[in-house]
């Protein structure tokens, strides 16, 4: 969570994402709600803007190790542009 806060503070008002990203990896589910300059992580959302599901190893490889080829093994439903912009903020 502190990584999200730091990424948003560094980008300031440039972060104009709004919507909910639902992430499901190996049976774990979290919803990340972007609202301008704030982020709220919750266990469930009613209407996500996009969903990402796959193995935790592939998500970590894409975010932390920046192996974008791992994103081909992850299922993305919804707005793909929103997912790419959100993943940029989620990386440490």
N, C-alpha and C. Protein backbone atom coordinates (compact mmCIF):
# COMPACT_ATOMS: atom_id res chain seq x y z
N UNK A 1 0.82 -1.20 0.00
CA UNK A 1 0.00 0.00 0.00
C UNK A 1 0.86 1.25 0.00
N UNK A 2 1.98 1.21 0.68
CA UNK A 2 2.84 2.39 0.70
C UNK A 2 3.45 2.64 -0.68
N UNK A 3 3.67 1.57 -1.44
CA UNK A 3 4.17 1.74 -2.80
C UNK A 3 3.17 2.45 -3.68
N UNK A 4 1.90 2.14 -3.51
CA UNK A 4 0.84 2.85 -4.26
C UNK A 4 0.81 4.32 -3.88
N UNK A 5 0.86 4.57 -2.60
CA UNK A 5 0.82 5.96 -2.13
C UNK A 5 2.02 6.75 -2.66
N UNK A 6 3.20 6.13 -2.64
CA UNK A 6 4.40 6.80 -3.13
C UNK A 6 4.30 7.06 -4.64
N UNK A 7 3.82 6.10 -5.40
CA UNK A 7 3.67 6.28 -6.84
C UNK A 7 2.69 7.40 -7.16
N UNK A 8 1.61 7.50 -6.40
CA UNK A 8 0.64 8.56 -6.65
C UNK A 8 1.19 9.92 -6.26
N UNK A 9 1.94 9.98 -5.16
CA UNK A 9 2.52 11.25 -4.74
C UNK A 9 3.55 11.75 -5.74
N UNK A 10 4.33 10.84 -6.31
CA UNK A 10 5.34 11.24 -7.28
C UNK A 10 4.70 11.77 -8.55
N UNK A 11 3.58 11.22 -8.93
CA UNK A 11 2.92 11.65 -10.15
C UNK A 11 2.00 12.84 -9.92
N UNK A 12 1.70 13.11 -8.66
CA UNK A 12 0.86 14.26 -8.32
C UNK A 12 -0.51 14.18 -8.98
N UNK A 13 -0.95 15.27 -9.53
CA UNK A 13 -2.27 15.32 -10.17
C UNK A 13 -2.25 14.70 -11.56
N UNK A 14 -1.10 14.23 -12.02
CA UNK A 14 -1.03 13.61 -13.33
C UNK A 14 -1.79 12.29 -13.37
N UNK A 15 -2.01 11.71 -12.20
CA UNK A 15 -2.76 10.46 -12.13
C UNK A 15 -4.25 10.77 -12.20
N UNK A 16 -4.82 10.53 -13.35
CA UNK A 16 -6.23 10.84 -13.53
C UNK A 16 -7.06 9.57 -13.69
N UNK A 17 -6.55 8.47 -13.19
CA UNK A 17 -7.30 7.22 -13.30
C UNK A 17 -8.52 7.25 -12.40
N UNK A 18 -9.61 6.74 -12.93
CA UNK A 18 -10.79 6.56 -12.09
C UNK A 18 -11.47 5.27 -12.53
N UNK A 19 -11.78 4.46 -11.56
CA UNK A 19 -12.42 3.19 -11.83
C UNK A 19 -11.86 2.12 -10.92
N UNK A 20 -12.38 0.91 -11.10
CA UNK A 20 -12.00 -0.20 -10.24
C UNK A 20 -11.34 -1.28 -11.08
N UNK A 21 -10.18 -1.74 -10.61
CA UNK A 21 -9.47 -2.86 -11.23
C UNK A 21 -9.59 -4.05 -10.29
N UNK A 22 -10.18 -5.13 -10.79
CA UNK A 22 -10.29 -6.34 -9.99
C UNK A 22 -9.15 -7.27 -10.38
N UNK A 23 -8.37 -7.71 -9.41
CA UNK A 23 -7.23 -8.59 -9.65
C UNK A 23 -7.48 -9.91 -8.94
N UNK A 24 -7.43 -11.01 -9.71
CA UNK A 24 -7.60 -12.34 -9.13
C UNK A 24 -6.39 -13.17 -9.53
N UNK A 25 -5.67 -13.68 -8.51
CA UNK A 25 -4.47 -14.47 -8.76
C UNK A 25 -4.43 -15.63 -7.80
N UNK A 26 -4.44 -16.83 -8.36
CA UNK A 26 -4.35 -18.06 -7.56
C UNK A 26 -5.36 -18.10 -6.42
N UNK A 27 -6.59 -17.74 -6.69
CA UNK A 27 -7.65 -17.81 -5.70
C UNK A 27 -7.78 -16.60 -4.80
N UNK A 28 -6.85 -15.67 -4.88
CA UNK A 28 -6.94 -14.44 -4.08
C UNK A 28 -7.54 -13.34 -4.94
N UNK A 29 -8.38 -12.53 -4.34
CA UNK A 29 -9.04 -11.47 -5.09
C UNK A 29 -8.95 -10.15 -4.33
N UNK A 30 -8.64 -9.10 -5.08
CA UNK A 30 -8.60 -7.75 -4.50
C UNK A 30 -9.09 -6.78 -5.56
N UNK A 31 -9.74 -5.73 -5.10
CA UNK A 31 -10.20 -4.68 -5.99
C UNK A 31 -9.47 -3.40 -5.62
N UNK A 32 -8.88 -2.79 -6.63
CA UNK A 32 -8.14 -1.55 -6.44
C UNK A 32 -8.95 -0.44 -7.09
N UNK A 33 -9.44 0.47 -6.26
CA UNK A 33 -10.28 1.56 -6.76
C UNK A 33 -9.47 2.84 -6.85
N UNK A 34 -9.36 3.36 -8.07
CA UNK A 34 -8.64 4.61 -8.32
C UNK A 34 -9.67 5.73 -8.41
N UNK A 35 -9.39 6.81 -7.69
CA UNK A 35 -10.28 7.96 -7.72
C UNK A 35 -9.45 9.24 -7.75
N UNK A 36 -8.94 9.57 -8.92
CA UNK A 36 -8.12 10.76 -9.03
C UNK A 36 -6.79 10.59 -8.35
N UNK A 37 -6.64 11.12 -7.15
CA UNK A 37 -5.36 11.07 -6.44
C UNK A 37 -5.35 10.08 -5.29
N UNK A 38 -6.40 9.29 -5.13
CA UNK A 38 -6.42 8.34 -4.03
C UNK A 38 -6.67 6.92 -4.54
N UNK A 39 -6.28 5.96 -3.72
CA UNK A 39 -6.44 4.55 -4.05
C UNK A 39 -7.01 3.84 -2.84
N UNK A 40 -8.02 3.00 -3.07
CA UNK A 40 -8.62 2.21 -2.00
C UNK A 40 -8.58 0.75 -2.43
N UNK A 41 -8.03 -0.11 -1.59
CA UNK A 41 -7.99 -1.54 -1.86
C UNK A 41 -9.04 -2.21 -1.01
N UNK A 42 -9.91 -3.00 -1.65
CA UNK A 42 -10.98 -3.67 -0.93
C UNK A 42 -11.11 -5.10 -1.44
N UNK A 43 -11.81 -5.95 -0.71
CA UNK A 43 -11.93 -7.34 -1.12
C UNK A 43 -12.89 -7.57 -2.30
N UNK A 44 -13.85 -6.68 -2.52
CA UNK A 44 -14.82 -6.91 -3.59
C UNK A 44 -15.35 -5.59 -4.12
N UNK A 45 -15.79 -5.62 -5.37
CA UNK A 45 -16.39 -4.44 -5.98
C UNK A 45 -17.65 -4.86 -6.73
N UNK A 46 -18.56 -3.92 -6.88
CA UNK A 46 -19.80 -4.24 -7.55
C UNK A 46 -19.66 -4.21 -9.06
N UNK A 47 -18.96 -3.22 -9.60
CA UNK A 47 -18.84 -3.08 -11.05
C UNK A 47 -17.42 -2.64 -11.41
N UNK A 48 -16.49 -3.57 -11.59
CA UNK A 48 -15.14 -3.18 -11.95
C UNK A 48 -15.06 -2.71 -13.41
N UNK A 49 -14.16 -1.80 -13.66
CA UNK A 49 -13.94 -1.30 -15.03
C UNK A 49 -13.15 -2.32 -15.85
N UNK A 50 -12.30 -3.10 -15.16
CA UNK A 50 -11.52 -4.14 -15.82
C UNK A 50 -11.19 -5.23 -14.82
N UNK A 51 -10.95 -6.43 -15.35
CA UNK A 51 -10.57 -7.56 -14.51
C UNK A 51 -9.30 -8.18 -15.06
N UNK A 52 -8.40 -8.55 -14.15
CA UNK A 52 -7.17 -9.24 -14.51
C UNK A 52 -7.13 -10.52 -13.69
N UNK A 53 -6.94 -11.65 -14.36
CA UNK A 53 -6.86 -12.92 -13.64
C UNK A 53 -5.76 -13.77 -14.25
N UNK A 54 -5.14 -14.56 -13.39
CA UNK A 54 -4.06 -15.43 -13.83
C UNK A 54 -3.28 -15.91 -12.63
N UNK A 55 -2.10 -16.45 -12.91
CA UNK A 55 -1.29 -16.94 -11.80
C UNK A 55 -0.56 -15.77 -11.14
N UNK A 56 -0.28 -15.93 -9.88
CA UNK A 56 0.43 -14.90 -9.12
C UNK A 56 1.85 -14.73 -9.66
N UNK A 57 2.46 -15.82 -10.08
CA UNK A 57 3.81 -15.74 -10.64
C UNK A 57 3.87 -14.85 -11.87
N UNK A 58 2.87 -14.96 -12.76
CA UNK A 58 2.84 -14.14 -13.97
C UNK A 58 2.62 -12.67 -13.64
N UNK A 59 1.73 -12.40 -12.68
CA UNK A 59 1.49 -11.00 -12.30
C UNK A 59 2.73 -10.37 -11.67
N UNK A 60 3.40 -11.11 -10.80
CA UNK A 60 4.61 -10.59 -10.16
C UNK A 60 5.71 -10.40 -11.20
N UNK A 61 5.84 -11.34 -12.12
CA UNK A 61 6.86 -11.21 -13.17
C UNK A 61 6.61 -9.97 -14.02
N UNK A 62 5.35 -9.67 -14.30
CA UNK A 62 5.03 -8.51 -15.12
C UNK A 62 5.24 -7.20 -14.36
N UNK A 63 4.85 -7.16 -13.10
CA UNK A 63 4.92 -5.92 -12.34
C UNK A 63 6.31 -5.64 -11.77
N UNK A 64 6.85 -6.60 -11.07
CA UNK A 64 8.10 -6.37 -10.34
C UNK A 64 9.31 -6.50 -11.26
N UNK A 65 9.34 -7.56 -12.05
CA UNK A 65 10.50 -7.82 -12.88
C UNK A 65 10.37 -7.19 -14.27
N UNK A 66 9.23 -6.57 -14.53
CA UNK A 66 8.95 -5.88 -15.79
C UNK A 66 9.13 -6.79 -17.00
N UNK A 67 8.68 -8.01 -16.86
CA UNK A 67 8.67 -8.95 -17.97
C UNK A 67 7.29 -8.88 -18.61
N UNK A 68 7.17 -8.02 -19.58
CA UNK A 68 5.85 -7.76 -20.18
C UNK A 68 5.32 -8.96 -20.94
N UNK A 69 6.19 -9.91 -21.29
CA UNK A 69 5.72 -11.13 -21.93
C UNK A 69 4.83 -11.94 -21.02
N UNK A 70 4.98 -11.77 -19.71
CA UNK A 70 4.14 -12.49 -18.75
C UNK A 70 2.69 -12.02 -18.84
N UNK A 71 2.48 -10.79 -19.31
CA UNK A 71 1.10 -10.30 -19.44
C UNK A 71 0.32 -11.07 -20.50
N UNK A 72 0.99 -11.71 -21.43
CA UNK A 72 0.29 -12.52 -22.44
C UNK A 72 -0.33 -13.76 -21.81
N UNK A 73 0.16 -14.18 -20.66
CA UNK A 73 -0.38 -15.36 -19.97
C UNK A 73 -1.44 -14.99 -18.94
N UNK A 74 -1.76 -13.71 -18.85
CA UNK A 74 -2.76 -13.22 -17.90
C UNK A 74 -4.01 -12.83 -18.68
N UNK A 75 -5.16 -13.19 -18.16
CA UNK A 75 -6.41 -12.86 -18.83
C UNK A 75 -6.88 -11.47 -18.41
N UNK A 76 -7.15 -10.63 -19.39
CA UNK A 76 -7.62 -9.27 -19.14
C UNK A 76 -9.00 -9.12 -19.76
N UNK A 77 -9.95 -8.69 -18.96
CA UNK A 77 -11.30 -8.42 -19.44
C UNK A 77 -11.65 -6.99 -19.10
N UNK A 78 -12.23 -6.31 -20.06
CA UNK A 78 -12.60 -4.92 -19.84
C UNK A 78 -11.67 -3.99 -20.60
N UNK A 79 -11.49 -2.81 -20.10
CA UNK A 79 -10.71 -1.77 -20.74
C UNK A 79 -9.22 -2.04 -20.59
N UNK A 80 -8.56 -2.46 -21.66
CA UNK A 80 -7.14 -2.82 -21.62
C UNK A 80 -6.23 -1.61 -21.39
N UNK A 81 -6.60 -0.47 -21.91
CA UNK A 81 -5.81 0.74 -21.68
C UNK A 81 -5.82 1.11 -20.20
N UNK A 82 -6.98 0.99 -19.57
CA UNK A 82 -7.08 1.25 -18.13
C UNK A 82 -6.17 0.29 -17.35
N UNK A 83 -6.15 -0.98 -17.76
CA UNK A 83 -5.31 -1.98 -17.08
C UNK A 83 -3.84 -1.61 -17.20
N UNK A 84 -3.38 -1.23 -18.38
CA UNK A 84 -1.98 -0.87 -18.56
C UNK A 84 -1.60 0.35 -17.73
N UNK A 85 -2.46 1.34 -17.70
CA UNK A 85 -2.18 2.54 -16.89
C UNK A 85 -2.19 2.21 -15.40
N UNK A 86 -3.11 1.35 -14.98
CA UNK A 86 -3.19 0.97 -13.56
C UNK A 86 -1.98 0.14 -13.16
N UNK A 87 -1.54 -0.78 -14.02
CA UNK A 87 -0.39 -1.61 -13.69
C UNK A 87 0.88 -0.76 -13.56
N UNK A 88 0.96 0.33 -14.29
CA UNK A 88 2.10 1.22 -14.16
C UNK A 88 2.17 1.82 -12.75
N UNK A 89 1.00 2.09 -12.17
CA UNK A 89 0.97 2.64 -10.81
C UNK A 89 1.18 1.56 -9.75
N UNK A 90 0.81 0.32 -10.06
CA UNK A 90 0.89 -0.74 -9.07
C UNK A 90 2.31 -1.30 -8.90
N UNK A 91 3.16 -1.07 -9.87
CA UNK A 91 4.52 -1.64 -9.74
C UNK A 91 5.31 -0.90 -8.66
N UNK A 92 6.18 -1.62 -7.98
CA UNK A 92 6.96 -1.00 -6.88
C UNK A 92 8.02 -0.05 -7.40
